[in-house]
Structures are given as structure tokens and as C-alpha cells.
Amino acid sequence: MDDQISSRRALLRLATLAAGGAMVAASGQGAQAYQGNMERAIGELETALRSLREATPDKGGHRERAIALIQEAMGEVQAGIDYAARKFGD
């Protein structure tokens, strides 16, 4: 039970970090080709994904859903990085 709560909190922190980075990139304020916060968000999401894949599988489908959501978040963060690179140059 504590592991589930801890995992959920970690996922929420990662999602918040990724969303915050996406908002900064989309706002255009201080946007540059290199998106350090976005790159770090992907790294944190990769860590969470690895942890979930190493977790025991019997979680009533919630582990698999979390894996899918993290993969989706990673795609969105990458899309934000790609957008900034197109808009603001390499």
C-alpha cells in the first residue's frame, strides 16, 4: 500500500514537472533551442517508466495504465522540444 502511494506521488511530481516544462516552452518566454527543463523531464519520466516496469505486475491494471500515461507524457514533452527547435532554431 505504501509503495502504491509513493509511486502515485512520484508520478504526480513527474507529471507536474513535465507539464511545467511544456508550459514554459509554449509560452515563448526565454525559449531557446535547448530545452533543459524539458530534457530533464524526459529523464525523470524514463526513470519512472523503468521503476514501473520493474514493479510486480499485479496492480489491477493500474501499473500498465501508468506505463502508458508516462509513455504518452514522454511523447508530449518531446513534441514540445521539437516545436521549440522548429520555432526558435537549433
PDB file of N, CA and C in Angstrom:
ATOM      1  N   MET A   1       0.827  -1.186   0.000  1.00  0.00           N
ATOM      2  CA  MET A   1       0.000   0.000   0.000  1.00  0.00           C
ATOM      3  C   MET A   1       0.872   1.251   0.000  1.00  0.00           C
ATOM      4  N   ASP A   2       1.898   1.291   0.875  1.00  0.00           N
ATOM      5  CA  ASP A   2       2.793   2.444   0.915  1.00  0.00           C
ATOM      6  C   ASP A   2       3.526   2.619  -0.401  1.00  0.00           C
ATOM      7  N   ASP A   3       3.881   1.500  -1.043  1.00  0.00           N
ATOM      8  CA  ASP A   3       4.554   1.574  -2.340  1.00  0.00           C
ATOM      9  C   ASP A   3       3.643   2.206  -3.385  1.00  0.00           C
ATOM     10  N   GLN A   4       2.352   1.872  -3.340  1.00  0.00           N
ATOM     11  CA  GLN A   4       1.411   2.451  -4.299  1.00  0.00           C
ATOM     12  C   GLN A   4       1.273   3.951  -4.081  1.00  0.00           C
ATOM     13  N   ILE A   5       1.169   4.367  -2.830  1.00  0.00           N
ATOM     14  CA  ILE A   5       1.043   5.795  -2.524  1.00  0.00           C
ATOM     15  C   ILE A   5       2.300   6.525  -2.942  1.00  0.00           C
ATOM     16  N   SER A   6       3.444   5.949  -2.631  1.00  0.00           N
ATOM     17  CA  SER A   6       4.723   6.553  -3.001  1.00  0.00           C
ATOM     18  C   SER A   6       4.853   6.641  -4.519  1.00  0.00           C
ATOM     19  N   SER A   7       4.449   5.597  -5.220  1.00  0.00           N
ATOM     20  CA  SER A   7       4.527   5.590  -6.681  1.00  0.00           C
ATOM     21  C   SER A   7       3.596   6.635  -7.276  1.00  0.00           C
ATOM     22  N   ARG A   8       2.404   6.756  -6.724  1.00  0.00           N
ATOM     23  CA  ARG A   8       1.463   7.755  -7.231  1.00  0.00           C
ATOM     24  C   ARG A   8       1.999   9.159  -7.014  1.00  0.00           C
ATOM     25  N   ARG A   9       2.570   9.402  -5.854  1.00  0.00           N
ATOM     26  CA  ARG A   9       3.140  10.720  -5.583  1.00  0.00           C
ATOM     27  C   ARG A   9       4.276  11.014  -6.548  1.00  0.00           C
ATOM     28  N   ALA A  10       5.110  10.024  -6.806  1.00  0.00           N
ATOM     29  CA  ALA A  10       6.223  10.208  -7.738  1.00  0.00           C
ATOM     30  C   ALA A  10       5.698  10.500  -9.141  1.00  0.00           C
ATOM     31  N   LEU A  11       4.654   9.785  -9.554  1.00  0.00           N
ATOM     32  CA  LEU A  11       4.078  10.021 -10.878  1.00  0.00           C
ATOM     33  C   LEU A  11       3.476  11.417 -10.974  1.00  0.00           C
ATOM     34  N   LEU A  12       2.808  11.847  -9.910  1.00  0.00           N
ATOM     35  CA  LEU A  12       2.240  13.196  -9.911  1.00  0.00           C
ATOM     36  C   LEU A  12       3.332  14.253  -9.992  1.00  0.00           C
ATOM     37  N   ARG A  13       4.423  14.062  -9.258  1.00  0.00           N
ATOM     38  CA  ARG A  13       5.529  15.016  -9.323  1.00  0.00           C
ATOM     39  C   ARG A  13       6.111  15.066 -10.730  1.00  0.00           C
ATOM     40  N   LEU A  14       6.280  13.897 -11.341  1.00  0.00           N
ATOM     41  CA  LEU A  14       6.836  13.847 -12.694  1.00  0.00           C
ATOM     42  C   LEU A  14       5.901  14.494 -13.711  1.00  0.00           C
ATOM     43  N   ALA A  15       4.619  14.231 -13.571  1.00  0.00           N
ATOM     44  CA  ALA A  15       3.658  14.836 -14.489  1.00  0.00           C
ATOM     45  C   ALA A  15       3.645  16.350 -14.334  1.00  0.00           C
ATOM     46  N   THR A  16       3.747  16.821 -13.088  1.00  0.00           N
ATOM     47  CA  THR A  16       3.782  18.256 -12.839  1.00  0.00           C
ATOM     48  C   THR A  16       5.027  18.877 -13.449  1.00  0.00           C
ATOM     49  N   LEU A  17       6.155  18.216 -13.273  1.00  0.00           N
ATOM     50  CA  LEU A  17       7.409  18.700 -13.849  1.00  0.00           C
ATOM     51  C   LEU A  17       7.312  18.773 -15.371  1.00  0.00           C
ATOM     52  N   ALA A  18       6.794  17.721 -15.973  1.00  0.00           N
ATOM     53  CA  ALA A  18       6.672  17.690 -17.435  1.00  0.00           C
ATOM     54  C   ALA A  18       5.711  18.764 -17.935  1.00  0.00           C
ATOM     55  N   ALA A  19       4.592  18.913 -17.252  1.00  0.00           N
ATOM     56  CA  ALA A  19       3.614  19.924 -17.665  1.00  0.00           C
ATOM     57  C   ALA A  19       4.183  21.327 -17.508  1.00  0.00           C
ATOM     58  N   GLY A  20       4.897  21.561 -16.434  1.00  0.00           N
ATOM     59  CA  GLY A  20       5.504  22.877 -16.217  1.00  0.00           C
ATOM     60  C   GLY A  20       6.507  23.200 -17.303  1.00  0.00           C
ATOM     61  N   GLY A  21       7.310  22.232 -17.660  1.00  0.00           N
ATOM     62  CA  GLY A  21       8.274  22.447 -18.734  1.00  0.00           C
ATOM     63  C   GLY A  21       7.594  22.721 -20.055  1.00  0.00           C
ATOM     64  N   ALA A  22       6.494  22.029 -20.311  1.00  0.00           N
ATOM     65  CA  ALA A  22       5.755  22.249 -21.554  1.00  0.00           C
ATOM     66  C   ALA A  22       5.158  23.647 -21.595  1.00  0.00           C
ATOM     67  N   MET A  23       4.652  24.130 -20.454  1.00  0.00           N
ATOM     68  CA  MET A  23       4.070  25.471 -20.422  1.00  0.00           C
ATOM     69  C   MET A  23       5.130  26.533 -20.657  1.00  0.00           C
ATOM     70  N   VAL A  24       6.310  26.351 -20.091  1.00  0.00           N
ATOM     71  CA  VAL A  24       7.388  27.320 -20.303  1.00  0.00           C
ATOM     72  C   VAL A  24       7.786  27.347 -21.773  1.00  0.00           C
ATOM     73  N   ALA A  25       7.902  26.191 -22.370  1.00  0.00           N
ATOM     74  CA  ALA A  25       8.281  26.138 -23.783  1.00  0.00           C
ATOM     75  C   ALA A  25       7.201  26.766 -24.663  1.00  0.00           C
ATOM     76  N   ALA A  26       5.951  26.506 -24.338  1.00  0.00           N
ATOM     77  CA  ALA A  26       4.859  27.040 -25.144  1.00  0.00           C
ATOM     78  C   ALA A  26       4.688  28.543 -24.964  1.00  0.00           C
ATOM     79  N   SER A  27       5.078  29.057 -23.812  1.00  0.00           N
ATOM     80  CA  SER A  27       4.871  30.477 -23.552  1.00  0.00           C
ATOM     81  C   SER A  27       5.782  31.357 -24.391  1.00  0.00           C
ATOM     82  N   GLY A  28       6.906  30.814 -24.818  1.00  0.00           N
ATOM     83  CA  GLY A  28       7.833  31.591 -25.627  1.00  0.00           C
ATOM     84  C   GLY A  28       8.734  32.489 -24.804  1.00  0.00           C
ATOM     85  N   GLN A  29       8.557  32.530 -23.505  1.00  0.00           N
ATOM     86  CA  GLN A  29       9.389  33.368 -22.653  1.00  0.00           C
ATOM     87  C   GLN A  29      10.713  32.657 -22.417  1.00  0.00           C
ATOM     88  N   GLY A  30      11.751  33.263 -22.897  1.00  0.00           N
ATOM     89  CA  GLY A  30      13.078  32.688 -22.700  1.00  0.00           C
ATOM     90  C   GLY A  30      13.284  31.382 -23.448  1.00  0.00           C
ATOM     91  N   ALA A  31      12.446  31.108 -24.423  1.00  0.00           N
ATOM     92  CA  ALA A  31      12.579  29.859 -25.153  1.00  0.00           C
ATOM     93  C   ALA A  31      13.837  29.893 -26.003  1.00  0.00           C
ATOM     94  N   GLN A  32      14.552  28.802 -25.979  1.00  0.00           N
ATOM     95  CA  GLN A  32      15.756  28.644 -26.773  1.00  0.00           C
ATOM     96  C   GLN A  32      15.697  27.258 -27.392  1.00  0.00           C
ATOM     97  N   ALA A  33      16.585  27.001 -28.312  1.00  0.00           N
ATOM     98  CA  ALA A  33      16.588  25.692 -28.956  1.00  0.00           C
ATOM     99  C   ALA A  33      16.821  24.587 -27.934  1.00  0.00           C
ATOM    100  N   TYR A  34      17.745  24.791 -27.000  1.00  0.00           N
ATOM    101  CA  TYR A  34      17.980  23.775 -25.976  1.00  0.00           C
ATOM    102  C   TYR A  34      16.957  23.947 -24.871  1.00  0.00           C
ATOM    103  N   GLN A  35      16.230  22.912 -24.606  1.00  0.00           N
ATOM    104  CA  GLN A  35      15.166  22.929 -23.601  1.00  0.00           C
ATOM    105  C   GLN A  35      15.592  22.062 -22.417  1.00  0.00           C
ATOM    106  N   GLY A  36      16.441  22.621 -21.560  1.00  0.00           N
ATOM    107  CA  GLY A  36      16.996  21.867 -20.434  1.00  0.00           C
ATOM    108  C   GLY A  36      15.954  21.281 -19.511  1.00  0.00           C
ATOM    109  N   ASN A  37      14.948  22.071 -19.149  1.00  0.00           N
ATOM    110  CA  ASN A  37      13.909  21.553 -18.267  1.00  0.00           C
ATOM    111  C   ASN A  37      13.139  20.424 -18.925  1.00  0.00           C
ATOM    112  N   MET A  38      12.891  20.564 -20.205  1.00  0.00           N
ATOM    113  CA  MET A  38      12.160  19.528 -20.930  1.00  0.00           C
ATOM    114  C   MET A  38      13.006  18.254 -21.028  1.00  0.00           C
ATOM    115  N   GLU A  39      14.299  18.423 -21.290  1.00  0.00           N
ATOM    116  CA  GLU A  39      15.195  17.266 -21.352  1.00  0.00           C
ATOM    117  C   GLU A  39      15.239  16.555 -19.999  1.00  0.00           C
ATOM    118  N   ARG A  40      15.307  17.324 -18.917  1.00  0.00           N
ATOM    119  CA  ARG A  40      15.304  16.723 -17.582  1.00  0.00           C
ATOM    120  C   ARG A  40      13.983  16.006 -17.307  1.00  0.00           C
ATOM    121  N   ALA A  41      12.880  16.578 -17.768  1.00  0.00           N
ATOM    122  CA  ALA A  41      11.578  15.942 -17.582  1.00  0.00           C
ATOM    123  C   ALA A  41      11.547  14.573 -18.253  1.00  0.00           C
ATOM    124  N   ILE A  42      12.086  14.493 -19.458  1.00  0.00           N
ATOM    125  CA  ILE A  42      12.135  13.198 -20.144  1.00  0.00           C
ATOM    126  C   ILE A  42      12.971  12.208 -19.341  1.00  0.00           C
ATOM    127  N   GLY A  43      14.089  12.670 -18.813  1.00  0.00           N
ATOM    128  CA  GLY A  43      14.925  11.792 -17.996  1.00  0.00           C
ATOM    129  C   GLY A  43      14.189  11.278 -16.767  1.00  0.00           C
ATOM    130  N   GLU A  44      13.450  12.152 -16.108  1.00  0.00           N
ATOM    131  CA  GLU A  44      12.682  11.748 -14.928  1.00  0.00           C
ATOM    132  C   GLU A  44      11.562  10.783 -15.308  1.00  0.00           C
ATOM    133  N   LEU A  45      10.932  11.034 -16.425  1.00  0.00           N
ATOM    134  CA  LEU A  45       9.887  10.128 -16.892  1.00  0.00           C
ATOM    135  C   LEU A  45      10.469   8.760 -17.250  1.00  0.00           C
ATOM    136  N   GLU A  46      11.662   8.742 -17.833  1.00  0.00           N
ATOM    137  CA  GLU A  46      12.326   7.468 -18.142  1.00  0.00           C
ATOM    138  C   GLU A  46      12.612   6.691 -16.865  1.00  0.00           C
ATOM    139  N   THR A  47      13.034   7.403 -15.816  1.00  0.00           N
ATOM    140  CA  THR A  47      13.286   6.754 -14.528  1.00  0.00           C
ATOM    141  C   THR A  47      12.004   6.151 -13.968  1.00  0.00           C
ATOM    142  N   ALA A  48      10.905   6.914 -14.027  1.00  0.00           N
ATOM    143  CA  ALA A  48       9.621   6.413 -13.534  1.00  0.00           C
ATOM    144  C   ALA A  48       9.166   5.200 -14.351  1.00  0.00           C
ATOM    145  N   LEU A  49       9.349   5.270 -15.650  1.00  0.00           N
ATOM    146  CA  LEU A  49       8.957   4.162 -16.525  1.00  0.00           C
ATOM    147  C   LEU A  49       9.743   2.899 -16.170  1.00  0.00           C
ATOM    148  N   ARG A  50      11.026   3.049 -15.965  1.00  0.00           N
ATOM    149  CA  ARG A  50      11.873   1.913 -15.587  1.00  0.00           C
ATOM    150  C   ARG A  50      11.401   1.310 -14.259  1.00  0.00           C
ATOM    151  N   SER A  51      11.088   2.166 -13.286  1.00  0.00           N
ATOM    152  CA  SER A  51      10.616   1.681 -11.986  1.00  0.00           C
ATOM    153  C   SER A  51       9.306   0.916 -12.123  1.00  0.00           C
ATOM    154  N   LEU A  52       8.402   1.441 -12.926  1.00  0.00           N
ATOM    155  CA  LEU A  52       7.125   0.760 -13.109  1.00  0.00           C
ATOM    156  C   LEU A  52       7.301  -0.580 -13.810  1.00  0.00           C
ATOM    157  N   ARG A  53       8.183  -0.622 -14.775  1.00  0.00           N
ATOM    158  CA  ARG A  53       8.415  -1.889 -15.485  1.00  0.00           C
ATOM    159  C   ARG A  53       9.041  -2.938 -14.572  1.00  0.00           C
ATOM    160  N   GLU A  54       9.806  -2.498 -13.568  1.00  0.00           N
ATOM    161  CA  GLU A  54      10.444  -3.413 -12.628  1.00  0.00           C
ATOM    162  C   GLU A  54       9.518  -3.804 -11.476  1.00  0.00           C
ATOM    163  N   ALA A  55       8.399  -3.103 -11.315  1.00  0.00           N
ATOM    164  CA  ALA A  55       7.445  -3.399 -10.249  1.00  0.00           C
ATOM    165  C   ALA A  55       6.715  -4.702 -10.538  1.00  0.00           C
ATOM    166  N   THR A  56       6.223  -5.333  -9.482  1.00  0.00           N
ATOM    167  CA  THR A  56       5.433  -6.545  -9.682  1.00  0.00           C
ATOM    168  C   THR A  56       4.187  -6.200 -10.497  1.00  0.00           C
ATOM    169  N   PRO A  57       3.769  -7.102 -11.378  1.00  0.00           N
ATOM    170  CA  PRO A  57       2.730  -6.757 -12.342  1.00  0.00           C
ATOM    171  C   PRO A  57       1.303  -6.732 -11.803  1.00  0.00           C
ATOM    172  N   ASP A  58       0.998  -7.367 -10.692  1.00  0.00           N
ATOM    173  CA  ASP A  58      -0.398  -7.484 -10.251  1.00  0.00           C
ATOM    174  C   ASP A  58      -0.854  -6.225  -9.516  1.00  0.00           C
ATOM    175  N   LYS A  59      -1.322  -5.244 -10.291  1.00  0.00           N
ATOM    176  CA  LYS A  59      -1.790  -3.972  -9.727  1.00  0.00           C
ATOM    177  C   LYS A  59      -3.180  -3.624 -10.263  1.00  0.00           C
ATOM    178  N   GLY A  60      -3.910  -4.612 -10.694  1.00  0.00           N
ATOM    179  CA  GLY A  60      -5.266  -4.381 -11.182  1.00  0.00           C
ATOM    180  C   GLY A  60      -5.316  -3.560 -12.453  1.00  0.00           C
ATOM    181  N   GLY A  61      -4.253  -3.599 -13.246  1.00  0.00           N
ATOM    182  CA  GLY A  61      -4.204  -2.853 -14.494  1.00  0.00           C
ATOM    183  C   GLY A  61      -3.691  -1.430 -14.345  1.00  0.00           C
ATOM    184  N   HIS A  62      -3.524  -0.961 -13.102  1.00  0.00           N
ATOM    185  CA  HIS A  62      -3.095   0.418 -12.874  1.00  0.00           C
ATOM    186  C   HIS A  62      -1.632   0.639 -13.250  1.00  0.00           C
ATOM    187  N   ARG A  63      -0.797  -0.363 -13.027  1.00  0.00           N
ATOM    188  CA  ARG A  63       0.612  -0.257 -13.415  1.00  0.00           C
ATOM    189  C   ARG A  63       0.726  -0.086 -14.924  1.00  0.00           C
ATOM    190  N   GLU A  64      -0.011  -0.895 -15.658  1.00  0.00           N
ATOM    191  CA  GLU A  64       0.028  -0.823 -17.123  1.00  0.00           C
ATOM    192  C   GLU A  64      -0.497   0.528 -17.609  1.00  0.00           C
ATOM    193  N   ARG A  65      -1.542   1.025 -16.966  1.00  0.00           N
ATOM    194  CA  ARG A  65      -2.096   2.335 -17.343  1.00  0.00           C
ATOM    195  C   ARG A  65      -1.080   3.435 -17.060  1.00  0.00           C
ATOM    196  N   ALA A  66      -0.400   3.341 -15.920  1.00  0.00           N
ATOM    197  CA  ALA A  66       0.623   4.337 -15.579  1.00  0.00           C
ATOM    198  C   ALA A  66       1.760   4.304 -16.593  1.00  0.00           C
ATOM    199  N   ILE A  67       2.148   3.113 -17.013  1.00  0.00           N
ATOM    200  CA  ILE A  67       3.193   2.982 -18.030  1.00  0.00           C
ATOM    201  C   ILE A  67       2.755   3.678 -19.322  1.00  0.00           C
ATOM    202  N   ALA A  68       1.523   3.434 -19.732  1.00  0.00           N
ATOM    203  CA  ALA A  68       1.016   4.061 -20.956  1.00  0.00           C
ATOM    204  C   ALA A  68       0.969   5.583 -20.821  1.00  0.00           C
ATOM    205  N   LEU A  69       0.555   6.074 -19.661  1.00  0.00           N
ATOM    206  CA  LEU A  69       0.485   7.525 -19.454  1.00  0.00           C
ATOM    207  C   LEU A  69       1.868   8.165 -19.471  1.00  0.00           C
ATOM    208  N   ILE A  70       2.829   7.491 -18.898  1.00  0.00           N
ATOM    209  CA  ILE A  70       4.194   8.033 -18.910  1.00  0.00           C
ATOM    210  C   ILE A  70       4.737   8.049 -20.331  1.00  0.00           C
ATOM    211  N   GLN A  71       4.483   6.987 -21.080  1.00  0.00           N
ATOM    212  CA  GLN A  71       4.928   6.973 -22.472  1.00  0.00           C
ATOM    213  C   GLN A  71       4.266   8.100 -23.259  1.00  0.00           C
ATOM    214  N   GLU A  72       2.998   8.350 -22.989  1.00  0.00           N
ATOM    215  CA  GLU A  72       2.303   9.444 -23.651  1.00  0.00           C
ATOM    216  C   GLU A  72       2.904  10.786 -23.238  1.00  0.00           C
ATOM    217  N   ALA A  73       3.192  10.945 -21.953  1.00  0.00           N
ATOM    218  CA  ALA A  73       3.803  12.187 -21.466  1.00  0.00           C
ATOM    219  C   ALA A  73       5.162  12.406 -22.107  1.00  0.00           C
ATOM    220  N   MET A  74       5.935  11.345 -22.252  1.00  0.00           N
ATOM    221  CA  MET A  74       7.243  11.465 -22.892  1.00  0.00           C
ATOM    222  C   MET A  74       7.096  11.956 -24.331  1.00  0.00           C
ATOM    223  N   GLY A  75       6.097  11.448 -25.030  1.00  0.00           N
ATOM    224  CA  GLY A  75       5.849  11.892 -26.393  1.00  0.00           C
ATOM    225  C   GLY A  75       5.467  13.365 -26.447  1.00  0.00           C
ATOM    226  N   GLU A  76       4.657  13.811 -25.497  1.00  0.00           N
ATOM    227  CA  GLU A  76       4.250  15.211 -25.455  1.00  0.00           C
ATOM    228  C   GLU A  76       5.428  16.127 -25.131  1.00  0.00           C
ATOM    229  N   VAL A  77       6.262  15.707 -24.196  1.00  0.00           N
ATOM    230  CA  VAL A  77       7.437  16.514 -23.856  1.00  0.00           C
ATOM    231  C   VAL A  77       8.358  16.610 -25.067  1.00  0.00           C
ATOM    232  N   GLN A  78       8.567  15.490 -25.748  1.00  0.00           N
ATOM    233  CA  GLN A  78       9.417  15.503 -26.946  1.00  0.00           C
ATOM    234  C   GLN A  78       8.815  16.390 -28.022  1.00  0.00           C
ATOM    235  N   ALA A  79       7.489  16.346 -28.159  1.00  0.00           N
ATOM    236  CA  ALA A  79       6.827  17.206 -29.149  1.00  0.00           C
ATOM    237  C   ALA A  79       7.065  18.676 -28.811  1.00  0.00           C
ATOM    238  N   GLY A  80       7.062  19.009 -27.525  1.00  0.00           N
ATOM    239  CA  GLY A  80       7.350  20.379 -27.111  1.00  0.00           C
ATOM    240  C   GLY A  80       8.778  20.780 -27.439  1.00  0.00           C
ATOM    241  N   ILE A  81       9.706  19.884 -27.233  1.00  0.00           N
ATOM    242  CA  ILE A  81      11.111  20.145 -27.577  1.00  0.00           C
ATOM    243  C   ILE A  81      11.245  20.358 -29.079  1.00  0.00           C
ATOM    244  N   ASP A  82      10.613  19.493 -29.852  1.00  0.00           N
ATOM    245  CA  ASP A  82      10.677  19.602 -31.313  1.00  0.00           C
ATOM    246  C   ASP A  82      10.051  20.911 -31.794  1.00  0.00           C
ATOM    247  N   TYR A  83       8.929  21.280 -31.195  1.00  0.00           N
ATOM    248  CA  TYR A  83       8.266  22.536 -31.552  1.00  0.00           C
ATOM    249  C   TYR A  83       9.178  23.724 -31.296  1.00  0.00           C
ATOM    250  N   ALA A  84       9.785  23.757 -30.114  1.00  0.00           N
ATOM    251  CA  ALA A  84      10.676  24.866 -29.767  1.00  0.00           C
ATOM    252  C   ALA A  84      11.872  24.924 -30.730  1.00  0.00           C
ATOM    253  N   ALA A  85      12.383  23.751 -31.112  1.00  0.00           N
ATOM    254  CA  ALA A  85      13.510  23.722 -32.037  1.00  0.00           C
ATOM    255  C   ALA A  85      13.110  24.285 -33.401  1.00  0.00           C
ATOM    256  N   ARG A  86      11.903  23.933 -33.853  1.00  0.00           N
ATOM    257  CA  ARG A  86      11.429  24.477 -35.144  1.00  0.00           C
ATOM    258  C   ARG A  86      11.178  25.979 -35.046  1.00  0.00           C
ATOM    259  N   LYS A  87      10.559  26.411 -33.973  1.00  0.00           N
ATOM    260  CA  LYS A  87      10.157  27.801 -33.853  1.00  0.00           C
ATOM    261  C   LYS A  87      11.333  28.731 -33.543  1.00  0.00           C
ATOM    262  N   PHE A  88      12.254  28.286 -32.704  1.00  0.00           N
ATOM    263  CA  PHE A  88      13.320  29.144 -32.237  1.00  0.00           C
ATOM    264  C   PHE A  88      14.695  28.760 -32.769  1.00  0.00           C
ATOM    265  N   GLY A  89      14.757  27.749 -33.603  1.00  0.00           N
ATOM    266  CA  GLY A  89      16.021  27.362 -34.220  1.00  0.00           C
ATOM    267  C   GLY A  89      16.766  26.329 -33.425  1.00  0.00           C
ATOM    268  N   ASP A  90      17.764  25.759 -34.069  1.00  0.00           N
ATOM    269  CA  ASP A  90      18.570  24.704 -33.446  1.00  0.00           C
ATOM    270  C   ASP A  90      19.485  25.249 -32.460  1.00  0.00           C
TER     271      ASP A  90
END
